[in-house]
Amino acid sequence: MTVEIVRNVLAWCTLINLGILLYWFLFFTLAHDWVYRIHGKWFKLSKEQFDSIQYAAMAFYKVAIFVFNMVPFIALHIVT
């Protein structure tokens, strides 16, 4: 496997993960009440708790994208 293939894989992983994050954000903001009702049937959460859990999960996912996809991609561009 060449460095170019790894760079391409990391670039596509970054784009796909950012697309998932954007979809998650849009779905959360545009269908907030519906999603809250669905999850409210399973868990006893207030809207504030639900929002903070979603926000924290999105923040964690974004950090994971940066750490595991973007940083290695940039590092490979720097060293080669």
PDB file of N, CA and C in Angstrom:
ATOM      1  N   MET A   1       0.845  -1.168   0.000  1.00  0.00           N
ATOM      2  CA  MET A   1       0.000   0.000   0.000  1.00  0.00           C
ATOM      3  C   MET A   1       0.894   1.235   0.000  1.00  0.00           C
ATOM      4  N   THR A   2       0.615   2.137  -0.911  1.00  0.00           N
ATOM      5  CA  THR A   2       1.443   3.323  -1.029  1.00  0.00           C
ATOM      6  C   THR A   2       0.905   4.442  -0.148  1.00  0.00           C
ATOM      7  N   VAL A   3       1.745   5.444   0.047  1.00  0.00           N
ATOM      8  CA  VAL A   3       1.346   6.604   0.846  1.00  0.00           C
ATOM      9  C   VAL A   3       0.197   7.336   0.167  1.00  0.00           C
ATOM     10  N   GLU A   4       0.209   7.374  -1.142  1.00  0.00           N
ATOM     11  CA  GLU A   4      -0.867   8.050  -1.880  1.00  0.00           C
ATOM     12  C   GLU A   4      -2.217   7.384  -1.632  1.00  0.00           C
ATOM     13  N   ILE A   5      -2.244   6.076  -1.585  1.00  0.00           N
ATOM     14  CA  ILE A   5      -3.499   5.363  -1.304  1.00  0.00           C
ATOM     15  C   ILE A   5      -3.987   5.682   0.104  1.00  0.00           C
ATOM     16  N   VAL A   6      -3.085   5.695   1.065  1.00  0.00           N
ATOM     17  CA  VAL A   6      -3.463   6.006   2.445  1.00  0.00           C
ATOM     18  C   VAL A   6      -4.005   7.428   2.540  1.00  0.00           C
ATOM     19  N   ARG A   7      -3.354   8.365   1.857  1.00  0.00           N
ATOM     20  CA  ARG A   7      -3.846   9.748   1.847  1.00  0.00           C
ATOM     21  C   ARG A   7      -5.244   9.825   1.255  1.00  0.00           C
ATOM     22  N   ASN A   8      -5.467   9.119   0.151  1.00  0.00           N
ATOM     23  CA  ASN A   8      -6.792   9.130  -0.478  1.00  0.00           C
ATOM     24  C   ASN A   8      -7.847   8.517   0.440  1.00  0.00           C
ATOM     25  N   VAL A   9      -7.493   7.436   1.100  1.00  0.00           N
ATOM     26  CA  VAL A   9      -8.427   6.805   2.032  1.00  0.00           C
ATOM     27  C   VAL A   9      -8.766   7.760   3.171  1.00  0.00           C
ATOM     28  N   LEU A  10      -7.756   8.415   3.731  1.00  0.00           N
ATOM     29  CA  LEU A  10      -8.001   9.357   4.825  1.00  0.00           C
ATOM     30  C   LEU A  10      -8.842  10.542   4.359  1.00  0.00           C
ATOM     31  N   ALA A  11      -8.595  11.007   3.139  1.00  0.00           N
ATOM     32  CA  ALA A  11      -9.389  12.119   2.607  1.00  0.00           C
ATOM     33  C   ALA A  11     -10.855  11.708   2.458  1.00  0.00           C
ATOM     34  N   TRP A  12     -11.103  10.521   1.900  1.00  0.00           N
ATOM     35  CA  TRP A  12     -12.478  10.056   1.749  1.00  0.00           C
ATOM     36  C   TRP A  12     -13.135   9.791   3.093  1.00  0.00           C
ATOM     37  N   CYS A  13     -12.383   9.227   4.028  1.00  0.00           N
ATOM     38  CA  CYS A  13     -12.927   9.011   5.377  1.00  0.00           C
ATOM     39  C   CYS A  13     -13.330  10.332   6.011  1.00  0.00           C
ATOM     40  N   THR A  14     -12.504  11.351   5.837  1.00  0.00           N
ATOM     41  CA  THR A  14     -12.821  12.667   6.385  1.00  0.00           C
ATOM     42  C   THR A  14     -14.098  13.214   5.771  1.00  0.00           C
ATOM     43  N   LEU A  15     -14.213  13.151   4.454  1.00  0.00           N
ATOM     44  CA  LEU A  15     -15.409  13.667   3.780  1.00  0.00           C
ATOM     45  C   LEU A  15     -16.668  12.904   4.184  1.00  0.00           C
ATOM     46  N   ILE A  16     -16.573  11.591   4.245  1.00  0.00           N
ATOM     47  CA  ILE A  16     -17.733  10.782   4.624  1.00  0.00           C
ATOM     48  C   ILE A  16     -18.149  11.084   6.058  1.00  0.00           C
ATOM     49  N   ASN A  17     -17.180  11.148   6.962  1.00  0.00           N
ATOM     50  CA  ASN A  17     -17.501  11.435   8.359  1.00  0.00           C
ATOM     51  C   ASN A  17     -18.053  12.839   8.556  1.00  0.00           C
ATOM     52  N   LEU A  18     -17.527  13.820   7.835  1.00  0.00           N
ATOM     53  CA  LEU A  18     -18.087  15.170   7.914  1.00  0.00           C
ATOM     54  C   LEU A  18     -19.505  15.206   7.349  1.00  0.00           C
ATOM     55  N   GLY A  19     -19.761  14.409   6.316  1.00  0.00           N
ATOM     56  CA  GLY A  19     -21.125  14.295   5.781  1.00  0.00           C
ATOM     57  C   GLY A  19     -22.078  13.692   6.800  1.00  0.00           C
ATOM     58  N   ILE A  20     -21.624  12.663   7.510  1.00  0.00           N
ATOM     59  CA  ILE A  20     -22.444  12.057   8.556  1.00  0.00           C
ATOM     60  C   ILE A  20     -22.714  13.074   9.661  1.00  0.00           C
ATOM     61  N   LEU A  21     -21.687  13.817  10.048  1.00  0.00           N
ATOM     62  CA  LEU A  21     -21.853  14.836  11.085  1.00  0.00           C
ATOM     63  C   LEU A  21     -22.830  15.919  10.642  1.00  0.00           C
ATOM     64  N   LEU A  22     -22.745  16.357   9.395  1.00  0.00           N
ATOM     65  CA  LEU A  22     -23.677  17.359   8.869  1.00  0.00           C
ATOM     66  C   LEU A  22     -25.104  16.818   8.845  1.00  0.00           C
ATOM     67  N   TYR A  23     -25.274  15.571   8.409  1.00  0.00           N
ATOM     68  CA  TYR A  23     -26.595  14.937   8.387  1.00  0.00           C
ATOM     69  C   TYR A  23     -27.156  14.858   9.805  1.00  0.00           C
ATOM     70  N   TRP A  24     -26.325  14.443  10.766  1.00  0.00           N
ATOM     71  CA  TRP A  24     -26.735  14.344  12.158  1.00  0.00           C
ATOM     72  C   TRP A  24     -27.188  15.710  12.678  1.00  0.00           C
ATOM     73  N   PHE A  25     -26.382  16.745  12.400  1.00  0.00           N
ATOM     74  CA  PHE A  25     -26.722  18.093  12.850  1.00  0.00           C
ATOM     75  C   PHE A  25     -28.037  18.569  12.238  1.00  0.00           C
ATOM     76  N   LEU A  26     -28.196  18.406  10.938  1.00  0.00           N
ATOM     77  CA  LEU A  26     -29.417  18.848  10.269  1.00  0.00           C
ATOM     78  C   LEU A  26     -30.636  18.082  10.771  1.00  0.00           C
ATOM     79  N   PHE A  27     -30.481  16.775  10.916  1.00  0.00           N
ATOM     80  CA  PHE A  27     -31.588  15.953  11.414  1.00  0.00           C
ATOM     81  C   PHE A  27     -31.955  16.359  12.827  1.00  0.00           C
ATOM     82  N   PHE A  28     -30.946  16.628  13.655  1.00  0.00           N
ATOM     83  CA  PHE A  28     -31.184  17.038  15.034  1.00  0.00           C
ATOM     84  C   PHE A  28     -31.871  18.397  15.105  1.00  0.00           C
ATOM     85  N   THR A  29     -31.465  19.329  14.265  1.00  0.00           N
ATOM     86  CA  THR A  29     -32.060  20.666  14.340  1.00  0.00           C
ATOM     87  C   THR A  29     -33.425  20.740  13.655  1.00  0.00           C
ATOM     88  N   LEU A  30     -33.585  20.065  12.541  1.00  0.00           N
ATOM     89  CA  LEU A  30     -34.839  20.179  11.788  1.00  0.00           C
ATOM     90  C   LEU A  30     -35.939  19.257  12.311  1.00  0.00           C
ATOM     91  N   ALA A  31     -35.562  18.130  12.914  1.00  0.00           N
ATOM     92  CA  ALA A  31     -36.559  17.179  13.423  1.00  0.00           C
ATOM     93  C   ALA A  31     -36.364  16.964  14.919  1.00  0.00           C
ATOM     94  N   HIS A  32     -36.023  18.027  15.616  1.00  0.00           N
ATOM     95  CA  HIS A  32     -35.666  17.927  17.042  1.00  0.00           C
ATOM     96  C   HIS A  32     -36.790  17.318  17.876  1.00  0.00           C
ATOM     97  N   ASP A  33     -37.995  17.837  17.747  1.00  0.00           N
ATOM     98  CA  ASP A  33     -39.094  17.363  18.587  1.00  0.00           C
ATOM     99  C   ASP A  33     -39.433  15.905  18.301  1.00  0.00           C
ATOM    100  N   TRP A  34     -39.416  15.531  17.038  1.00  0.00           N
ATOM    101  CA  TRP A  34     -39.711  14.153  16.666  1.00  0.00           C
ATOM    102  C   TRP A  34     -38.664  13.196  17.241  1.00  0.00           C
ATOM    103  N   VAL A  35     -37.385  13.558  17.093  1.00  0.00           N
ATOM    104  CA  VAL A  35     -36.302  12.719  17.622  1.00  0.00           C
ATOM    105  C   VAL A  35     -36.396  12.636  19.145  1.00  0.00           C
ATOM    106  N   TYR A  36     -36.713  13.753  19.783  1.00  0.00           N
ATOM    107  CA  TYR A  36     -36.842  13.760  21.242  1.00  0.00           C
ATOM    108  C   TYR A  36     -37.994  12.850  21.683  1.00  0.00           C
ATOM    109  N   ARG A  37     -39.120  12.887  20.971  1.00  0.00           N
ATOM    110  CA  ARG A  37     -40.247  12.013  21.321  1.00  0.00           C
ATOM    111  C   ARG A  37     -39.879  10.546  21.182  1.00  0.00           C
ATOM    112  N   ILE A  38     -39.176  10.207  20.109  1.00  0.00           N
ATOM    113  CA  ILE A  38     -38.756   8.817  19.905  1.00  0.00           C
ATOM    114  C   ILE A  38     -37.863   8.361  21.056  1.00  0.00           C
ATOM    115  N   HIS A  39     -36.857   9.163  21.382  1.00  0.00           N
ATOM    116  CA  HIS A  39     -35.938   8.793  22.454  1.00  0.00           C
ATOM    117  C   HIS A  39     -36.598   8.907  23.829  1.00  0.00           C
ATOM    118  N   GLY A  40     -37.588   9.775  23.940  1.00  0.00           N
ATOM    119  CA  GLY A  40     -38.310   9.916  25.200  1.00  0.00           C
ATOM    120  C   GLY A  40     -39.080   8.663  25.571  1.00  0.00           C
ATOM    121  N   LYS A  41     -39.443   7.858  24.570  1.00  0.00           N
ATOM    122  CA  LYS A  41     -40.118   6.585  24.851  1.00  0.00           C
ATOM    123  C   LYS A  41     -39.159   5.570  25.465  1.00  0.00           C
ATOM    124  N   TRP A  42     -37.884   5.681  25.132  1.00  0.00           N
ATOM    125  CA  TRP A  42     -36.895   4.716  25.614  1.00  0.00           C
ATOM    126  C   TRP A  42     -36.225   5.154  26.904  1.00  0.00           C
ATOM    127  N   PHE A  43     -35.963   6.458  27.020  1.00  0.00           N
ATOM    128  CA  PHE A  43     -35.217   6.990  28.154  1.00  0.00           C
ATOM    129  C   PHE A  43     -35.983   8.150  28.776  1.00  0.00           C
ATOM    130  N   LYS A  44     -35.867   8.287  30.059  1.00  0.00           N
ATOM    131  CA  LYS A  44     -36.501   9.420  30.749  1.00  0.00           C
ATOM    132  C   LYS A  44     -35.487  10.556  30.824  1.00  0.00           C
ATOM    133  N   LEU A  45     -35.554  11.443  29.831  1.00  0.00           N
ATOM    134  CA  LEU A  45     -34.650  12.582  29.740  1.00  0.00           C
ATOM    135  C   LEU A  45     -35.441  13.866  29.558  1.00  0.00           C
ATOM    136  N   SER A  46     -34.968  14.921  30.176  1.00  0.00           N
ATOM    137  CA  SER A  46     -35.558  16.224  29.885  1.00  0.00           C
ATOM    138  C   SER A  46     -35.002  16.703  28.542  1.00  0.00           C
ATOM    139  N   LYS A  47     -35.639  17.713  27.975  1.00  0.00           N
ATOM    140  CA  LYS A  47     -35.140  18.253  26.705  1.00  0.00           C
ATOM    141  C   LYS A  47     -33.733  18.804  26.858  1.00  0.00           C
ATOM    142  N   GLU A  48     -33.446  19.414  28.004  1.00  0.00           N
ATOM    143  CA  GLU A  48     -32.112  19.967  28.241  1.00  0.00           C
ATOM    144  C   GLU A  48     -31.065  18.859  28.303  1.00  0.00           C
ATOM    145  N   GLN A  49     -31.394  17.751  28.966  1.00  0.00           N
ATOM    146  CA  GLN A  49     -30.468  16.620  29.023  1.00  0.00           C
ATOM    147  C   GLN A  49     -30.252  16.023  27.638  1.00  0.00           C
ATOM    148  N   PHE A  50     -31.339  15.863  26.904  1.00  0.00           N
ATOM    149  CA  PHE A  50     -31.258  15.314  25.560  1.00  0.00           C
ATOM    150  C   PHE A  50     -30.388  16.186  24.665  1.00  0.00           C
ATOM    151  N   ASP A  51     -30.604  17.504  24.726  1.00  0.00           N
ATOM    152  CA  ASP A  51     -29.814  18.420  23.910  1.00  0.00           C
ATOM    153  C   ASP A  51     -28.339  18.387  24.289  1.00  0.00           C
ATOM    154  N   SER A  52     -28.060  18.349  25.586  1.00  0.00           N
ATOM    155  CA  SER A  52     -26.654  18.344  26.001  1.00  0.00           C
ATOM    156  C   SER A  52     -25.964  17.036  25.621  1.00  0.00           C
ATOM    157  N   ILE A  53     -26.680  15.929  25.686  1.00  0.00           N
ATOM    158  CA  ILE A  53     -26.095  14.649  25.261  1.00  0.00           C
ATOM    159  C   ILE A  53     -25.804  14.680  23.764  1.00  0.00           C
ATOM    160  N   GLN A  54     -26.737  15.178  22.982  1.00  0.00           N
ATOM    161  CA  GLN A  54     -26.528  15.261  21.533  1.00  0.00           C
ATOM    162  C   GLN A  54     -25.356  16.179  21.199  1.00  0.00           C
ATOM    163  N   TYR A  55     -25.309  17.322  21.863  1.00  0.00           N
ATOM    164  CA  TYR A  55     -24.237  18.279  21.610  1.00  0.00           C
ATOM    165  C   TYR A  55     -22.879  17.681  21.978  1.00  0.00           C
ATOM    166  N   ALA A  56     -22.803  17.016  23.126  1.00  0.00           N
ATOM    167  CA  ALA A  56     -21.544  16.401  23.552  1.00  0.00           C
ATOM    168  C   ALA A  56     -21.131  15.275  22.606  1.00  0.00           C
ATOM    169  N   ALA A  57     -22.095  14.492  22.154  1.00  0.00           N
ATOM    170  CA  ALA A  57     -21.786  13.410  21.224  1.00  0.00           C
ATOM    171  C   ALA A  57     -21.295  13.949  19.882  1.00  0.00           C
ATOM    172  N   MET A  58     -21.926  15.016  19.402  1.00  0.00           N
ATOM    173  CA  MET A  58     -21.466  15.630  18.151  1.00  0.00           C
ATOM    174  C   MET A  58     -20.072  16.213  18.309  1.00  0.00           C
ATOM    175  N   ALA A  59     -19.807  16.827  19.449  1.00  0.00           N
ATOM    176  CA  ALA A  59     -18.473  17.388  19.700  1.00  0.00           C
ATOM    177  C   ALA A  59     -17.433  16.282  19.756  1.00  0.00           C
ATOM    178  N   PHE A  60     -17.742  15.178  20.419  1.00  0.00           N
ATOM    179  CA  PHE A  60     -16.819  14.046  20.483  1.00  0.00           C
ATOM    180  C   PHE A  60     -16.560  13.473  19.090  1.00  0.00           C
ATOM    181  N   TYR A  61     -17.622  13.336  18.301  1.00  0.00           N
ATOM    182  CA  TYR A  61     -17.487  12.798  16.948  1.00  0.00           C
ATOM    183  C   TYR A  61     -16.620  13.716  16.082  1.00  0.00           C
ATOM    184  N   LYS A  62     -16.819  15.028  16.239  1.00  0.00           N
ATOM    185  CA  LYS A  62     -16.023  15.983  15.473  1.00  0.00           C
ATOM    186  C   LYS A  62     -14.548  15.902  15.864  1.00  0.00           C
ATOM    187  N   VAL A  63     -14.269  15.817  17.142  1.00  0.00           N
ATOM    188  CA  VAL A  63     -12.881  15.691  17.601  1.00  0.00           C
ATOM    189  C   VAL A  63     -12.269  14.395  17.077  1.00  0.00           C
ATOM    190  N   ALA A  64     -13.043  13.316  17.099  1.00  0.00           N
ATOM    191  CA  ALA A  64     -12.545  12.035  16.581  1.00  0.00           C
ATOM    192  C   ALA A  64     -12.223  12.124  15.090  1.00  0.00           C
ATOM    193  N   ILE A  65     -13.046  12.852  14.327  1.00  0.00           N
ATOM    194  CA  ILE A  65     -12.760  13.047  12.902  1.00  0.00           C
ATOM    195  C   ILE A  65     -11.434  13.773  12.729  1.00  0.00           C
ATOM    196  N   PHE A  66     -11.231  14.824  13.499  1.00  0.00           N
ATOM    197  CA  PHE A  66      -9.978  15.570  13.396  1.00  0.00           C
ATOM    198  C   PHE A  66      -8.783  14.711  13.786  1.00  0.00           C
ATOM    199  N   VAL A  67      -8.888  13.990  14.902  1.00  0.00           N
ATOM    200  CA  VAL A  67      -7.747  13.229  15.423  1.00  0.00           C
ATOM    201  C   VAL A  67      -7.421  12.028  14.542  1.00  0.00           C
ATOM    202  N   PHE A  68      -8.429  11.292  14.102  1.00  0.00           N
ATOM    203  CA  PHE A  68      -8.178  10.038  13.401  1.00  0.00           C
ATOM    204  C   PHE A  68      -8.185  10.137  11.879  1.00  0.00           C
ATOM    205  N   ASN A  69      -8.695  11.248  11.326  1.00  0.00           N
ATOM    206  CA  ASN A  69      -8.733  11.375   9.871  1.00  0.00           C
ATOM    207  C   ASN A  69      -7.928  12.566   9.367  1.00  0.00           C
ATOM    208  N   MET A  70      -8.232  13.756   9.870  1.00  0.00           N
ATOM    209  CA  MET A  70      -7.612  14.961   9.315  1.00  0.00           C
ATOM    210  C   MET A  70      -6.150  15.117   9.705  1.00  0.00           C
ATOM    211  N   VAL A  71      -5.825  14.875  10.961  1.00  0.00           N
ATOM    212  CA  VAL A  71      -4.430  15.040  11.397  1.00  0.00           C
ATOM    213  C   VAL A  71      -3.499  14.061  10.676  1.00  0.00           C
ATOM    214  N   PRO A  72      -3.844  12.761  10.588  1.00  0.00           N
ATOM    215  CA  PRO A  72      -2.953  11.879   9.804  1.00  0.00           C
ATOM    216  C   PRO A  72      -2.858  12.281   8.327  1.00  0.00           C
ATOM    217  N   PHE A  73      -3.980  12.741   7.758  1.00  0.00           N
ATOM    218  CA  PHE A  73      -3.970  13.193   6.370  1.00  0.00           C
ATOM    219  C   PHE A  73      -3.000  14.365   6.189  1.00  0.00           C
ATOM    220  N   ILE A  74      -3.103  15.347   7.068  1.00  0.00           N
ATOM    221  CA  ILE A  74      -2.205  16.510   6.989  1.00  0.00           C
ATOM    222  C   ILE A  74      -0.763  16.102   7.246  1.00  0.00           C
ATOM    223  N   ALA A  75      -0.548  15.210   8.203  1.00  0.00           N
ATOM    224  CA  ALA A  75       0.818  14.763   8.509  1.00  0.00           C
ATOM    225  C   ALA A  75       1.439  14.047   7.306  1.00  0.00           C
ATOM    226  N   LEU A  76       0.652  13.244   6.616  1.00  0.00           N
ATOM    227  CA  LEU A  76       1.178  12.571   5.417  1.00  0.00           C
ATOM    228  C   LEU A  76       1.509  13.562   4.321  1.00  0.00           C
ATOM    229  N   HIS A  77       0.748  14.622   4.211  1.00  0.00           N
ATOM    230  CA  HIS A  77       1.065  15.649   3.226  1.00  0.00           C
ATOM    231  C   HIS A  77       2.337  16.390   3.602  1.00  0.00           C
ATOM    232  N   ILE A  78       2.590  16.579   4.875  1.00  0.00           N
ATOM    233  CA  ILE A  78       3.774  17.301   5.304  1.00  0.00           C
ATOM    234  C   ILE A  78       5.043  16.474   5.070  1.00  0.00           C
ATOM    235  N   VAL A  79       4.994  15.199   5.396  1.00  0.00           N
ATOM    236  CA  VAL A  79       6.209  14.384   5.322  1.00  0.00           C
ATOM    237  C   VAL A  79       6.518  13.874   3.920  1.00  0.00           C
ATOM    238  N   THR A  80       5.551  13.903   3.028  1.00  0.00           N
ATOM    239  CA  THR A  80       5.847  13.404   1.662  1.00  0.00           C
ATOM    240  C   THR A  80       5.738  14.513   0.646  1.00  0.00           C
TER     241      THR A  80
END
